[in-house]
Amino acid sequence: MNLTEKFLKFASLGAEWVLWLLVVLSVISVYVMIERILFYRSIAGDDARIRRGLFDALSANDIDGAKAKLKGADGPGARIVREMLQSAGDGARSLRARMEAVLPEERVRLGKNLSFLGTLGVNAPFIGLFGTVLGIIQAFKDLGTAGVQSGETSKVVMAGISEALVATAVGLLVAIPAVVAYNVFQRRVKKALGEAEAMGSTTFALLTAERQEDKA
């Protein structure tokens, strides 16, 4: 059996398993979307809610008060500042190191599973197209086996091709929501990280300014 025959035997499985694969991927995609929506909703407004009180406490050199403002806050900015306050008296280098260490962790936390959505959005149409190709191969194989004997044979082949095209349609149906969600969530991540970096930089400036004033 040569390679072509082996592939034809594989193609005889049809596009049904491809459709089931797309269904499974779609379910996982919906789960990721719901999980991310609930996560972003849980931290929405956390940093904005504490920012003013936090900066007022830091401006007054009230480290304990600043730590109290951070209690219960789970936004990326709050987590970065909380880590920075652990070394509030250790100098600028230590503050900068803590901020730079936590920022990548927050990027990973905010972007969790988004790579799956991006990958699915790009590849789902190709998976569907693969299923369509398998279905068309099977349809023409059936045509070659039966021969063009009557209109009924042609109807059967056309029905097989139409069923095969369903795989492409399903692939697009899975890909489009994944791409939209991926882009929306990426914008959310960039915005949250930008606000967190600004919050960390302001905290760094306030803490280092206080040390310079103490030295003076």
N, C-alpha and C. Protein backbone atom coordinates (compact mmCIF):
# COMPACT_ATOMS: atom_id res chain seq x y z
N MET A 1 0.85 -1.21 0.00
CA MET A 1 0.00 0.00 0.00
C MET A 1 0.89 1.26 0.00
N ASN A 2 0.74 2.11 -1.04
CA ASN A 2 1.57 3.32 -1.10
C ASN A 2 0.96 4.42 -0.23
N LEU A 3 1.68 5.54 -0.19
CA LEU A 3 1.28 6.63 0.70
C LEU A 3 -0.08 7.20 0.32
N THR A 4 -0.33 7.31 -0.98
CA THR A 4 -1.62 7.86 -1.43
C THR A 4 -2.78 6.98 -0.98
N GLU A 5 -2.60 5.70 -1.09
CA GLU A 5 -3.66 4.78 -0.68
C GLU A 5 -3.89 4.86 0.83
N LYS A 6 -2.80 5.02 1.57
CA LYS A 6 -2.95 5.16 3.02
C LYS A 6 -3.75 6.40 3.36
N PHE A 7 -3.46 7.49 2.65
CA PHE A 7 -4.19 8.72 2.93
C PHE A 7 -5.65 8.59 2.53
N LEU A 8 -5.91 7.91 1.42
CA LEU A 8 -7.30 7.69 1.00
C LEU A 8 -8.06 6.87 2.03
N LYS A 9 -7.36 5.92 2.62
CA LYS A 9 -7.99 5.12 3.68
C LYS A 9 -8.30 5.99 4.89
N PHE A 10 -7.39 6.89 5.19
CA PHE A 10 -7.62 7.83 6.29
C PHE A 10 -8.78 8.77 5.95
N ALA A 11 -8.82 9.22 4.69
CA ALA A 11 -9.89 10.14 4.27
C ALA A 11 -11.25 9.48 4.32
N SER A 12 -11.27 8.15 4.22
CA SER A 12 -12.55 7.44 4.25
C SER A 12 -13.25 7.57 5.61
N LEU A 13 -12.50 8.05 6.61
CA LEU A 13 -13.12 8.29 7.91
C LEU A 13 -14.11 9.45 7.83
N GLY A 14 -13.93 10.30 6.81
CA GLY A 14 -14.86 11.40 6.62
C GLY A 14 -14.55 12.59 7.52
N ALA A 15 -15.46 13.57 7.50
CA ALA A 15 -15.27 14.81 8.24
C ALA A 15 -15.97 14.82 9.59
N GLU A 16 -16.63 13.73 9.93
CA GLU A 16 -17.41 13.71 11.17
C GLU A 16 -16.54 13.95 12.40
N TRP A 17 -15.36 13.31 12.44
CA TRP A 17 -14.50 13.46 13.62
C TRP A 17 -13.95 14.88 13.71
N VAL A 18 -13.77 15.53 12.54
CA VAL A 18 -13.31 16.93 12.55
C VAL A 18 -14.38 17.83 13.17
N LEU A 19 -15.63 17.55 12.83
CA LEU A 19 -16.72 18.34 13.41
C LEU A 19 -16.78 18.17 14.93
N TRP A 20 -16.59 16.95 15.39
CA TRP A 20 -16.59 16.73 16.84
C TRP A 20 -15.41 17.44 17.50
N LEU A 21 -14.26 17.44 16.83
CA LEU A 21 -13.10 18.17 17.36
C LEU A 21 -13.41 19.65 17.47
N LEU A 22 -14.05 20.21 16.46
CA LEU A 22 -14.41 21.63 16.49
C LEU A 22 -15.43 21.92 17.60
N VAL A 23 -16.34 20.99 17.81
CA VAL A 23 -17.32 21.17 18.89
C VAL A 23 -16.62 21.21 20.25
N VAL A 24 -15.69 20.29 20.46
CA VAL A 24 -14.94 20.25 21.72
C VAL A 24 -14.14 21.54 21.91
N LEU A 25 -13.47 21.98 20.85
CA LEU A 25 -12.70 23.22 20.93
C LEU A 25 -13.61 24.42 21.19
N SER A 26 -14.80 24.38 20.62
CA SER A 26 -15.75 25.47 20.85
C SER A 26 -16.20 25.52 22.30
N VAL A 27 -16.45 24.36 22.88
CA VAL A 27 -16.85 24.30 24.30
C VAL A 27 -15.74 24.86 25.19
N ILE A 28 -14.51 24.46 24.91
CA ILE A 28 -13.37 24.97 25.68
C ILE A 28 -13.25 26.48 25.51
N SER A 29 -13.46 26.94 24.28
CA SER A 29 -13.39 28.38 24.01
C SER A 29 -14.43 29.15 24.81
N VAL A 30 -15.65 28.65 24.85
CA VAL A 30 -16.71 29.32 25.62
C VAL A 30 -16.35 29.33 27.11
N TYR A 31 -15.80 28.22 27.60
CA TYR A 31 -15.39 28.17 29.01
C TYR A 31 -14.34 29.23 29.31
N VAL A 32 -13.35 29.35 28.42
CA VAL A 32 -12.29 30.35 28.63
C VAL A 32 -12.88 31.76 28.62
N MET A 33 -13.78 32.02 27.69
CA MET A 33 -14.40 33.35 27.62
C MET A 33 -15.15 33.68 28.91
N ILE A 34 -15.95 32.73 29.38
CA ILE A 34 -16.73 32.97 30.61
C ILE A 34 -15.80 33.17 31.80
N GLU A 35 -14.77 32.32 31.90
CA GLU A 35 -13.82 32.44 33.02
C GLU A 35 -13.12 33.79 33.01
N ARG A 36 -12.71 34.26 31.82
CA ARG A 36 -12.02 35.55 31.72
C ARG A 36 -12.96 36.71 32.03
N ILE A 37 -14.20 36.62 31.54
CA ILE A 37 -15.17 37.68 31.82
C ILE A 37 -15.40 37.82 33.32
N LEU A 38 -15.59 36.68 33.99
CA LEU A 38 -15.80 36.72 35.44
C LEU A 38 -14.57 37.24 36.17
N PHE A 39 -13.39 36.86 35.70
CA PHE A 39 -12.15 37.33 36.33
C PHE A 39 -12.00 38.84 36.18
N TYR A 40 -12.16 39.34 34.95
CA TYR A 40 -12.01 40.78 34.73
C TYR A 40 -13.06 41.58 35.49
N ARG A 41 -14.24 41.01 35.60
CA ARG A 41 -15.29 41.69 36.36
C ARG A 41 -14.94 41.73 37.85
N SER A 42 -14.28 40.68 38.33
CA SER A 42 -13.96 40.63 39.76
C SER A 42 -12.91 41.67 40.17
N ILE A 43 -12.06 42.08 39.22
CA ILE A 43 -11.01 43.05 39.56
C ILE A 43 -11.32 44.44 38.99
N ALA A 44 -12.43 44.57 38.30
CA ALA A 44 -12.77 45.85 37.68
C ALA A 44 -12.92 46.94 38.74
N GLY A 45 -12.24 48.04 38.55
CA GLY A 45 -12.36 49.18 39.44
C GLY A 45 -11.56 49.09 40.72
N ASP A 46 -10.88 47.97 40.97
CA ASP A 46 -10.12 47.82 42.21
C ASP A 46 -9.03 48.89 42.34
N ASP A 47 -8.24 49.04 41.29
CA ASP A 47 -7.14 50.00 41.35
C ASP A 47 -7.65 51.43 41.42
N ALA A 48 -8.67 51.74 40.63
CA ALA A 48 -9.22 53.10 40.64
C ALA A 48 -9.82 53.45 42.00
N ARG A 49 -10.40 52.45 42.65
CA ARG A 49 -11.06 52.69 43.94
C ARG A 49 -10.08 53.09 45.04
N ILE A 50 -8.88 52.52 45.00
CA ILE A 50 -7.93 52.76 46.10
C ILE A 50 -6.85 53.78 45.74
N ARG A 51 -6.78 54.19 44.47
CA ARG A 51 -5.64 55.00 44.02
C ARG A 51 -5.49 56.29 44.82
N ARG A 52 -6.56 57.06 44.93
CA ARG A 52 -6.46 58.37 45.58
C ARG A 52 -6.06 58.22 47.06
N GLY A 53 -6.76 57.31 47.77
CA GLY A 53 -6.43 57.13 49.19
C GLY A 53 -5.01 56.59 49.38
N LEU A 54 -4.59 55.73 48.50
CA LEU A 54 -3.24 55.16 48.58
C LEU A 54 -2.19 56.24 48.40
N PHE A 55 -2.35 57.07 47.39
CA PHE A 55 -1.36 58.12 47.12
C PHE A 55 -1.36 59.17 48.22
N ASP A 56 -2.53 59.45 48.78
CA ASP A 56 -2.59 60.40 49.91
C ASP A 56 -1.80 59.86 51.10
N ALA A 57 -1.95 58.56 51.38
CA ALA A 57 -1.22 57.96 52.49
C ALA A 57 0.27 57.95 52.23
N LEU A 58 0.67 57.64 51.00
CA LEU A 58 2.10 57.63 50.67
C LEU A 58 2.69 59.04 50.72
N SER A 59 1.90 60.03 50.29
CA SER A 59 2.37 61.41 50.35
C SER A 59 2.59 61.87 51.78
N ALA A 60 1.80 61.31 52.69
CA ALA A 60 1.94 61.64 54.11
C ALA A 60 2.94 60.74 54.83
N ASN A 61 3.65 59.89 54.04
CA ASN A 61 4.63 58.95 54.59
C ASN A 61 3.99 57.97 55.57
N ASP A 62 2.73 57.64 55.32
CA ASP A 62 2.00 56.71 56.17
C ASP A 62 1.98 55.33 55.48
N ILE A 63 3.04 54.56 55.69
CA ILE A 63 3.16 53.26 55.02
C ILE A 63 2.10 52.29 55.52
N ASP A 64 1.86 52.29 56.82
CA ASP A 64 0.84 51.40 57.37
C ASP A 64 -0.54 51.74 56.82
N GLY A 65 -0.81 53.03 56.70
CA GLY A 65 -2.08 53.45 56.13
C GLY A 65 -2.21 53.04 54.67
N ALA A 66 -1.10 53.12 53.95
CA ALA A 66 -1.10 52.70 52.54
C ALA A 66 -1.37 51.20 52.43
N LYS A 67 -0.75 50.43 53.32
CA LYS A 67 -0.98 48.98 53.31
C LYS A 67 -2.44 48.66 53.64
N ALA A 68 -3.02 49.45 54.54
CA ALA A 68 -4.43 49.23 54.90
C ALA A 68 -5.34 49.50 53.71
N LYS A 69 -4.99 50.48 52.89
CA LYS A 69 -5.80 50.80 51.71
C LYS A 69 -5.79 49.65 50.70
N LEU A 70 -4.73 48.85 50.73
CA LEU A 70 -4.58 47.77 49.76
C LEU A 70 -5.32 46.49 50.16
N LYS A 71 -5.79 46.43 51.40
CA LYS A 71 -6.45 45.21 51.87
C LYS A 71 -7.71 44.93 51.05
N GLY A 72 -7.82 43.71 50.59
CA GLY A 72 -8.99 43.30 49.82
C GLY A 72 -8.95 43.65 48.35
N ALA A 73 -7.95 44.45 47.94
CA ALA A 73 -7.83 44.83 46.53
C ALA A 73 -7.03 43.78 45.78
N ASP A 74 -7.55 43.36 44.63
CA ASP A 74 -6.87 42.31 43.86
C ASP A 74 -6.52 42.76 42.45
N GLY A 75 -6.59 44.06 42.20
CA GLY A 75 -6.21 44.58 40.90
C GLY A 75 -4.71 44.46 40.69
N PRO A 76 -4.24 44.48 39.45
CA PRO A 76 -2.81 44.35 39.19
C PRO A 76 -1.98 45.46 39.81
N GLY A 77 -2.50 46.68 39.78
CA GLY A 77 -1.77 47.78 40.40
C GLY A 77 -1.65 47.60 41.90
N ALA A 78 -2.73 47.17 42.54
CA ALA A 78 -2.70 46.95 43.99
C ALA A 78 -1.71 45.86 44.36
N ARG A 79 -1.63 44.80 43.58
CA ARG A 79 -0.71 43.71 43.86
C ARG A 79 0.74 44.15 43.68
N ILE A 80 0.98 44.99 42.68
CA ILE A 80 2.34 45.50 42.47
C ILE A 80 2.76 46.40 43.62
N VAL A 81 1.88 47.33 43.99
CA VAL A 81 2.20 48.27 45.08
C VAL A 81 2.35 47.53 46.40
N ARG A 82 1.51 46.53 46.64
CA ARG A 82 1.61 45.74 47.87
C ARG A 82 2.98 45.10 48.00
N GLU A 83 3.48 44.59 46.90
CA GLU A 83 4.81 43.97 46.90
C GLU A 83 5.89 45.03 47.11
N MET A 84 5.73 46.20 46.51
CA MET A 84 6.72 47.27 46.67
C MET A 84 6.80 47.76 48.10
N LEU A 85 5.66 47.80 48.77
CA LEU A 85 5.65 48.31 50.15
C LEU A 85 6.36 47.37 51.12
N GLN A 86 6.59 46.12 50.69
CA GLN A 86 7.33 45.20 51.54
C GLN A 86 8.78 45.63 51.70
N SER A 87 9.27 46.44 50.76
CA SER A 87 10.66 46.94 50.85
C SER A 87 10.67 48.46 50.78
N ALA A 88 9.67 49.06 51.42
CA ALA A 88 9.54 50.52 51.35
C ALA A 88 10.76 51.25 51.88
N GLY A 89 11.49 50.64 52.81
CA GLY A 89 12.65 51.33 53.38
C GLY A 89 13.98 50.82 52.88
N ASP A 90 13.96 50.02 51.82
CA ASP A 90 15.19 49.38 51.35
C ASP A 90 15.87 50.09 50.19
N GLY A 91 15.33 51.21 49.77
CA GLY A 91 15.99 51.95 48.70
C GLY A 91 15.34 51.77 47.34
N ALA A 92 15.74 52.66 46.42
CA ALA A 92 15.13 52.70 45.09
C ALA A 92 15.38 51.42 44.30
N ARG A 93 16.58 50.87 44.43
CA ARG A 93 16.91 49.67 43.65
C ARG A 93 16.01 48.50 44.03
N SER A 94 15.78 48.33 45.32
CA SER A 94 14.92 47.25 45.78
C SER A 94 13.48 47.46 45.35
N LEU A 95 13.01 48.71 45.42
CA LEU A 95 11.65 49.02 44.98
C LEU A 95 11.47 48.70 43.49
N ARG A 96 12.43 49.15 42.70
CA ARG A 96 12.36 48.90 41.26
C ARG A 96 12.39 47.41 40.95
N ALA A 97 13.24 46.67 41.67
CA ALA A 97 13.35 45.23 41.43
C ALA A 97 12.04 44.52 41.75
N ARG A 98 11.39 44.90 42.85
CA ARG A 98 10.12 44.27 43.21
C ARG A 98 9.03 44.59 42.19
N MET A 99 9.00 45.83 41.74
CA MET A 99 7.99 46.21 40.76
C MET A 99 8.20 45.44 39.45
N GLU A 100 9.44 45.34 39.01
CA GLU A 100 9.73 44.64 37.75
C GLU A 100 9.54 43.13 37.87
N ALA A 101 9.63 42.62 39.10
CA ALA A 101 9.42 41.18 39.30
C ALA A 101 7.93 40.82 39.27
N VAL A 102 7.10 41.70 39.81
CA VAL A 102 5.67 41.40 39.90
C VAL A 102 4.95 41.67 38.58
N LEU A 103 5.43 42.65 37.82
CA LEU A 103 4.74 43.03 36.58
C LEU A 103 4.58 41.86 35.60
N PRO A 104 5.61 41.05 35.33
CA PRO A 104 5.41 39.90 34.44
C PRO A 104 4.41 38.89 35.00
N GLU A 105 4.39 38.72 36.32
CA GLU A 105 3.42 37.81 36.92
C GLU A 105 2.00 38.29 36.67
N GLU A 106 1.81 39.60 36.77
CA GLU A 106 0.47 40.16 36.52
C GLU A 106 0.09 40.05 35.05
N ARG A 107 1.08 40.20 34.19
CA ARG A 107 0.81 40.05 32.75
C ARG A 107 0.33 38.63 32.44
N VAL A 108 0.96 37.66 33.08
CA VAL A 108 0.56 36.27 32.89
C VAL A 108 -0.82 36.02 33.48
N ARG A 109 -1.07 36.57 34.66
CA ARG A 109 -2.37 36.38 35.33
C ARG A 109 -3.51 36.99 34.51
N LEU A 110 -3.28 38.18 33.98
CA LEU A 110 -4.32 38.84 33.20
C LEU A 110 -4.54 38.17 31.84
N GLY A 111 -3.47 37.63 31.28
CA GLY A 111 -3.57 37.04 29.95
C GLY A 111 -3.76 35.53 29.95
N LYS A 112 -4.11 34.96 31.09
CA LYS A 112 -4.25 33.51 31.20
C LYS A 112 -5.23 32.96 30.16
N ASN A 113 -4.79 31.95 29.42
CA ASN A 113 -5.60 31.23 28.42
C ASN A 113 -5.96 32.05 27.19
N LEU A 114 -5.49 33.31 27.10
CA LEU A 114 -5.81 34.09 25.92
C LEU A 114 -5.09 33.55 24.68
N SER A 115 -3.93 32.95 24.90
CA SER A 115 -3.21 32.36 23.76
C SER A 115 -4.02 31.25 23.12
N PHE A 116 -4.82 30.53 23.93
CA PHE A 116 -5.68 29.49 23.38
C PHE A 116 -6.72 30.09 22.44
N LEU A 117 -7.32 31.20 22.87
CA LEU A 117 -8.32 31.85 22.02
C LEU A 117 -7.69 32.35 20.73
N GLY A 118 -6.50 32.94 20.85
CA GLY A 118 -5.83 33.44 19.66
C GLY A 118 -5.47 32.32 18.70
N THR A 119 -4.93 31.24 19.24
CA THR A 119 -4.56 30.09 18.40
C THR A 119 -5.79 29.47 17.75
N LEU A 120 -6.86 29.33 18.53
CA LEU A 120 -8.09 28.76 17.98
C LEU A 120 -8.67 29.64 16.88
N GLY A 121 -8.65 30.94 17.11
CA GLY A 121 -9.19 31.86 16.12
C GLY A 121 -8.46 31.79 14.80
N VAL A 122 -7.15 31.57 14.86
CA VAL A 122 -6.35 31.49 13.64
C VAL A 122 -6.52 30.14 12.95
N ASN A 123 -6.59 29.06 13.73
CA ASN A 123 -6.49 27.71 13.16
C ASN A 123 -7.82 27.00 12.95
N ALA A 124 -8.89 27.43 13.62
CA ALA A 124 -10.18 26.74 13.46
C ALA A 124 -10.65 26.70 12.01
N PRO A 125 -10.52 27.80 11.24
CA PRO A 125 -10.93 27.70 9.82
C PRO A 125 -10.14 26.65 9.05
N PHE A 126 -8.86 26.52 9.37
CA PHE A 126 -8.05 25.52 8.67
C PHE A 126 -8.45 24.10 9.07
N ILE A 127 -8.81 23.92 10.35
CA ILE A 127 -9.29 22.61 10.78
C ILE A 127 -10.58 22.27 10.05
N GLY A 128 -11.47 23.27 9.94
CA GLY A 128 -12.71 23.05 9.20
C GLY A 128 -12.45 22.76 7.73
N LEU A 129 -11.50 23.48 7.15
CA LEU A 129 -11.16 23.25 5.76
C LEU A 129 -10.59 21.86 5.55
N PHE A 130 -9.80 21.40 6.52
CA PHE A 130 -9.26 20.05 6.45
C PHE A 130 -10.38 19.03 6.43
N GLY A 131 -11.39 19.24 7.28
CA GLY A 131 -12.55 18.34 7.28
C GLY A 131 -13.29 18.37 5.96
N THR A 132 -13.39 19.57 5.38
CA THR A 132 -14.05 19.68 4.07
C THR A 132 -13.30 18.91 2.99
N VAL A 133 -11.97 19.04 3.00
CA VAL A 133 -11.16 18.33 2.02
C VAL A 133 -11.33 16.82 2.16
N LEU A 134 -11.33 16.35 3.41
CA LEU A 134 -11.54 14.91 3.63
C LEU A 134 -12.90 14.46 3.09
N GLY A 135 -13.92 15.28 3.34
CA GLY A 135 -15.26 14.92 2.87
C GLY A 135 -15.35 14.90 1.35
N ILE A 136 -14.70 15.87 0.70
CA ILE A 136 -14.72 15.92 -0.76
C ILE A 136 -13.96 14.74 -1.36
N ILE A 137 -12.83 14.40 -0.74
CA ILE A 137 -12.08 13.23 -1.21
C ILE A 137 -12.95 11.98 -1.14
N GLN A 138 -13.64 11.84 -0.01
CA GLN A 138 -14.51 10.68 0.16
C GLN A 138 -15.64 10.68 -0.87
N ALA A 139 -16.19 11.88 -1.15
CA ALA A 139 -17.30 11.97 -2.10
C ALA A 139 -16.85 11.56 -3.50
N PHE A 140 -15.68 12.04 -3.90
CA PHE A 140 -15.20 11.68 -5.24
C PHE A 140 -14.74 10.22 -5.31
N LYS A 141 -14.27 9.71 -4.20
CA LYS A 141 -13.93 8.29 -4.17
C LYS A 141 -15.18 7.45 -4.37
N ASP A 142 -16.26 7.86 -3.71
CA ASP A 142 -17.54 7.15 -3.89
C ASP A 142 -18.02 7.26 -5.34
N LEU A 143 -17.82 8.44 -5.93
CA LEU A 143 -18.22 8.64 -7.32
C LEU A 143 -17.42 7.73 -8.25
N GLY A 144 -16.10 7.64 -7.98
CA GLY A 144 -15.26 6.79 -8.80
C GLY A 144 -15.62 5.32 -8.66
N THR A 145 -16.02 4.93 -7.45
CA THR A 145 -16.37 3.53 -7.22
C THR A 145 -17.69 3.17 -7.89
N ALA A 146 -18.67 4.08 -7.78
CA ALA A 146 -20.01 3.79 -8.32
C ALA A 146 -20.09 4.05 -9.81
N GLY A 147 -19.30 5.03 -10.28
CA GLY A 147 -19.41 5.41 -11.68
C GLY A 147 -20.63 6.27 -11.89
N VAL A 148 -20.58 7.06 -12.93
CA VAL A 148 -21.71 7.95 -13.22
C VAL A 148 -22.74 7.14 -13.99
N GLN A 149 -23.66 6.53 -13.25
CA GLN A 149 -24.65 5.64 -13.86
C GLN A 149 -26.03 6.29 -13.95
N SER A 150 -26.28 7.17 -13.03
CA SER A 150 -27.62 7.78 -13.04
C SER A 150 -27.58 9.08 -12.27
N GLY A 151 -28.69 9.78 -12.34
CA GLY A 151 -28.79 11.02 -11.59
C GLY A 151 -28.73 10.80 -10.10
N GLU A 152 -29.16 9.64 -9.65
CA GLU A 152 -29.14 9.35 -8.22
C GLU A 152 -27.72 9.35 -7.68
N THR A 153 -26.78 8.82 -8.45
CA THR A 153 -25.39 8.80 -8.01
C THR A 153 -24.86 10.21 -7.83
N SER A 154 -25.17 11.07 -8.77
CA SER A 154 -24.72 12.46 -8.68
C SER A 154 -25.33 13.15 -7.46
N LYS A 155 -26.58 12.84 -7.19
CA LYS A 155 -27.21 13.44 -6.02
C LYS A 155 -26.51 13.02 -4.73
N VAL A 156 -26.13 11.74 -4.67
CA VAL A 156 -25.44 11.25 -3.49
C VAL A 156 -24.10 11.95 -3.31
N VAL A 157 -23.37 12.11 -4.42
CA VAL A 157 -22.06 12.78 -4.36
C VAL A 157 -22.22 14.23 -3.95
N MET A 158 -23.19 14.94 -4.55
CA MET A 158 -23.41 16.34 -4.20
C MET A 158 -23.80 16.48 -2.74
N ALA A 159 -24.59 15.53 -2.26
CA ALA A 159 -24.97 15.56 -0.84
C ALA A 159 -23.74 15.39 0.04
N GLY A 160 -22.83 14.50 -0.39
CA GLY A 160 -21.59 14.29 0.37
C GLY A 160 -20.73 15.54 0.40
N ILE A 161 -20.65 16.24 -0.75
CA ILE A 161 -19.85 17.47 -0.81
C ILE A 161 -20.47 18.55 0.06
N SER A 162 -21.79 18.68 0.02
CA SER A 162 -22.45 19.70 0.84
C SER A 162 -22.24 19.44 2.32
N GLU A 163 -22.28 18.17 2.70
CA GLU A 163 -22.02 17.83 4.10
C GLU A 163 -20.58 18.15 4.47
N ALA A 164 -19.66 17.94 3.52
CA ALA A 164 -18.26 18.24 3.79
C ALA A 164 -18.04 19.72 4.01
N LEU A 165 -18.77 20.56 3.27
CA LEU A 165 -18.61 22.01 3.41
C LEU A 165 -19.08 22.50 4.77
N VAL A 166 -19.90 21.72 5.45
CA VAL A 166 -20.34 22.09 6.79
C VAL A 166 -19.14 22.27 7.72
N ALA A 167 -18.10 21.47 7.53
CA ALA A 167 -16.91 21.55 8.39
C ALA A 167 -16.27 22.92 8.29
N THR A 168 -16.18 23.48 7.07
CA THR A 168 -15.62 24.82 6.91
C THR A 168 -16.48 25.86 7.62
N ALA A 169 -17.81 25.72 7.45
CA ALA A 169 -18.72 26.67 8.10
C ALA A 169 -18.59 26.61 9.62
N VAL A 170 -18.50 25.40 10.16
CA VAL A 170 -18.36 25.24 11.61
C VAL A 170 -17.02 25.81 12.08
N GLY A 171 -15.97 25.58 11.28
CA GLY A 171 -14.66 26.14 11.63
C GLY A 171 -14.71 27.65 11.74
N LEU A 172 -15.38 28.30 10.80
CA LEU A 172 -15.53 29.76 10.86
C LEU A 172 -16.39 30.17 12.05
N LEU A 173 -17.42 29.40 12.32
CA LEU A 173 -18.31 29.69 13.44
C LEU A 173 -17.57 29.63 14.77
N VAL A 174 -16.62 28.73 14.86
CA VAL A 174 -15.81 28.62 16.08
C VAL A 174 -14.76 29.73 16.13
N ALA A 175 -14.18 30.06 14.98
CA ALA A 175 -13.06 31.00 14.95
C ALA A 175 -13.48 32.44 15.21
N ILE A 176 -14.59 32.86 14.64
CA ILE A 176 -14.97 34.28 14.73
C ILE A 176 -15.17 34.75 16.16
N PRO A 177 -15.98 34.05 17.00
CA PRO A 177 -16.10 34.50 18.39
C PRO A 177 -14.77 34.47 19.15
N ALA A 178 -13.93 33.47 18.84
CA ALA A 178 -12.65 33.37 19.52
C ALA A 178 -11.76 34.56 19.20
N VAL A 179 -11.74 34.97 17.94
CA VAL A 179 -10.94 36.13 17.53
C VAL A 179 -11.46 37.41 18.17
N VAL A 180 -12.78 37.58 18.14
CA VAL A 180 -13.37 38.78 18.75
C VAL A 180 -13.05 38.85 20.24
N ALA A 181 -13.26 37.73 20.94
CA ALA A 181 -12.98 37.69 22.38
C ALA A 181 -11.50 37.94 22.66
N TYR A 182 -10.64 37.34 21.85
CA TYR A 182 -9.20 37.52 22.03
C TYR A 182 -8.81 39.00 21.92
N ASN A 183 -9.32 39.68 20.91
CA ASN A 183 -8.99 41.09 20.72
C ASN A 183 -9.54 41.96 21.84
N VAL A 184 -10.77 41.68 22.26
CA VAL A 184 -11.37 42.45 23.36
C VAL A 184 -10.59 42.24 24.65
N PHE A 185 -10.26 41.00 24.95
CA PHE A 185 -9.53 40.71 26.18
C PHE A 185 -8.11 41.27 26.15
N GLN A 186 -7.48 41.26 24.97
CA GLN A 186 -6.13 41.82 24.87
C GLN A 186 -6.14 43.31 25.15
N ARG A 187 -7.14 43.99 24.66
CA ARG A 187 -7.26 45.43 24.96
C ARG A 187 -7.46 45.65 26.45
N ARG A 188 -8.25 44.77 27.06
CA ARG A 188 -8.49 44.87 28.50
C ARG A 188 -7.18 44.66 29.27
N VAL A 189 -6.39 43.69 28.85
CA VAL A 189 -5.11 43.41 29.51
C VAL A 189 -4.16 44.59 29.37
N LYS A 190 -4.06 45.15 28.16
CA LYS A 190 -3.15 46.28 27.94
C LYS A 190 -3.55 47.48 28.79
N LYS A 191 -4.86 47.74 28.87
CA LYS A 191 -5.33 48.86 29.68
C LYS A 191 -5.01 48.64 31.16
N ALA A 192 -5.30 47.43 31.65
CA ALA A 192 -5.06 47.13 33.06
C ALA A 192 -3.57 47.20 33.39
N LEU A 193 -2.73 46.68 32.51
CA LEU A 193 -1.29 46.72 32.76
C LEU A 193 -0.75 48.14 32.69
N GLY A 194 -1.29 48.93 31.78
CA GLY A 194 -0.87 50.33 31.70
C GLY A 194 -1.19 51.09 32.98
N GLU A 195 -2.40 50.88 33.49
CA GLU A 195 -2.79 51.53 34.74
C GLU A 195 -1.96 51.02 35.91
N ALA A 196 -1.66 49.72 35.89
CA ALA A 196 -0.86 49.14 36.98
C ALA A 196 0.56 49.69 36.97
N GLU A 197 1.16 49.82 35.78
CA GLU A 197 2.51 50.37 35.68
C GLU A 197 2.53 51.81 36.15
N ALA A 198 1.50 52.57 35.77
CA ALA A 198 1.43 53.97 36.20
C ALA A 198 1.31 54.05 37.72
N MET A 199 0.52 53.16 38.29
CA MET A 199 0.33 53.13 39.74
C MET A 199 1.64 52.76 40.44
N GLY A 200 2.35 51.78 39.88
CA GLY A 200 3.63 51.39 40.46
C GLY A 200 4.67 52.48 40.33
N SER A 201 4.70 53.16 39.19
CA SER A 201 5.68 54.23 38.98
C SER A 201 5.42 55.40 39.93
N THR A 202 4.14 55.74 40.12
CA THR A 202 3.80 56.83 41.05
C THR A 202 4.20 56.46 42.48
N THR A 203 3.93 55.21 42.85
CA THR A 203 4.33 54.74 44.18
C THR A 203 5.84 54.80 44.34
N PHE A 204 6.56 54.39 43.31
CA PHE A 204 8.02 54.44 43.35
C PHE A 204 8.50 55.88 43.53
N ALA A 205 7.89 56.79 42.80
CA ALA A 205 8.30 58.19 42.90
C ALA A 205 8.02 58.76 44.29
N LEU A 206 6.87 58.42 44.85
CA LEU A 206 6.52 58.94 46.18
C LEU A 206 7.44 58.36 47.25
N LEU A 207 7.72 57.07 47.18
CA LEU A 207 8.57 56.44 48.20
C LEU A 207 10.01 56.93 48.11
N THR A 208 10.54 57.08 46.93
CA THR A 208 11.92 57.54 46.78
C THR A 208 12.04 59.02 47.13
N ALA A 209 10.99 59.80 46.87
CA ALA A 209 11.00 61.22 47.23
C ALA A 209 11.04 61.39 48.74
N GLU A 210 10.31 60.49 49.43
CA GLU A 210 10.30 60.56 50.90
C GLU A 210 11.69 60.27 51.46
N ARG A 211 12.41 59.33 50.90
CA ARG A 211 13.74 59.00 51.37
C ARG A 211 14.70 60.15 51.13
N GLN A 212 14.54 60.84 50.00
CA GLN A 212 15.41 61.98 49.71
C GLN A 212 15.14 63.12 50.67
N GLU A 213 13.85 63.28 51.03
CA GLU A 213 13.51 64.34 51.99
C GLU A 213 14.08 64.00 53.37
N ASP A 214 14.04 62.71 53.74
CA ASP A 214 14.56 62.29 55.04
C ASP A 214 16.07 62.54 55.11
N LYS A 215 16.78 62.29 54.00
CA LYS A 215 18.21 62.49 53.97
C LYS A 215 18.54 63.98 54.07
N ALA A 216 17.67 64.78 53.41
CA ALA A 216 17.90 66.22 53.44
C ALA A 216 17.65 66.77 54.85
